[in-house]
Amino acid sequence: MDDPTIRDFQGHPLLGSYDVDDEGVKAQRVPLVENGILRNLLMSRRPGPDSAVSNGHARSALLSDPSPLSSNLLFQSSDASNPADLRKKFLDACRADGHEWCLEVKRMANPGISALRQEDFSEFIAEMAGGIASGERMPLLVYRVYVADGRQEPVRGGIIEGLTLRSLRNILAVGDDPAVYIYMQNPAEGLSLTALGSFGAVEGGIPSTVIAPSLLLEEIEVRGFHGEPRRLPLVTPPSLK
C-alpha cells in the first residue's frame, strides 16, 4: 500500500506525506498488492494501458517532469508473526533443511553513506549498479544463528546474492515489527524504486518513506568479498556522549 495522506507511523514522522501531488490531484491511499496479487499501480495524469485516471502520485524534483512515484510505501501482512514466533519458524526451517546454523541479517548498509573516500564511493556505485539485475546487496549486520541452542555470533565480509523479486515469492513468514526507513528518492529513470534510488538525491531528491517488517526468506545466497576483506579499525571509536 502507498499512502501519502498519513503523517506519522507509531510515533515516527513520515517524510513522504502531502495533501496534493505535483499535478494538483488530491493525494490518495492506493492498495497495491492484495493476497499476493497486484491490484493497482501508482498513476499520474498521464494515462497508462490499465488506467486513465490519476490517483494522486505525480511527484517531481527540481526542474523535472512529474512522474508516478511512491510516497509512504507500507508492507503489511494479514498473517504476521511476533518476534518469538518468527524466531521459532526461522530455527524450525533451518533445522528442517538439515543445517547446523543459518544467517540472520539485522541491518542493510547504504553504500553511499558508508563510503569514506571518493574511490570507495565509486567502487560501491559500480558494484551495486552491476548487482541490481543479479540481486547483489550489501548487509551491514549479519549473525550466524545456531540451531542447537539459538546462540548468535557476528559474521563479517558477506555479500547477498540473488535477492531479486523472484526471491520474494518464497516468503516463509512475515514479522509484526515494521521499521520506518526515510530517504530522498532519486526520480531519474532507471534509479527510482531500485536499490540505487537514494544515490545522488540528498539535495534534489523526493522525500519518501518505506515501512517494512522482518521477512523470513526460504533461501538466499551469501558470499564473501572478492580479494582481501577490509581490516577492523585499530582504534576504538570515540564516545558520542
Foldseek 3Di string as FASTA:
>chain_A
DFFQCDQADPPHGAFQHDQAAPVGHGAADDDQDDPRRGDDDAFDCPADPVGNDHNRQFHDWPPDGTGGAGGEAEDDDPAADAPVVVVVVLLVLCVVVPHQWDKDFDAFDQQVVPDPDPVSSVVVVVVVLVQQVFPKGGTDWMWIAGSPPRDIDTDPFKIWTRPDPVQVVAWPHWHPDKDKDKAFFDPDPPQGPTSNRRPPGPPTGRTHMYIGTDTHTNDIDMDGDPDDDDDDDPDDDDDPD
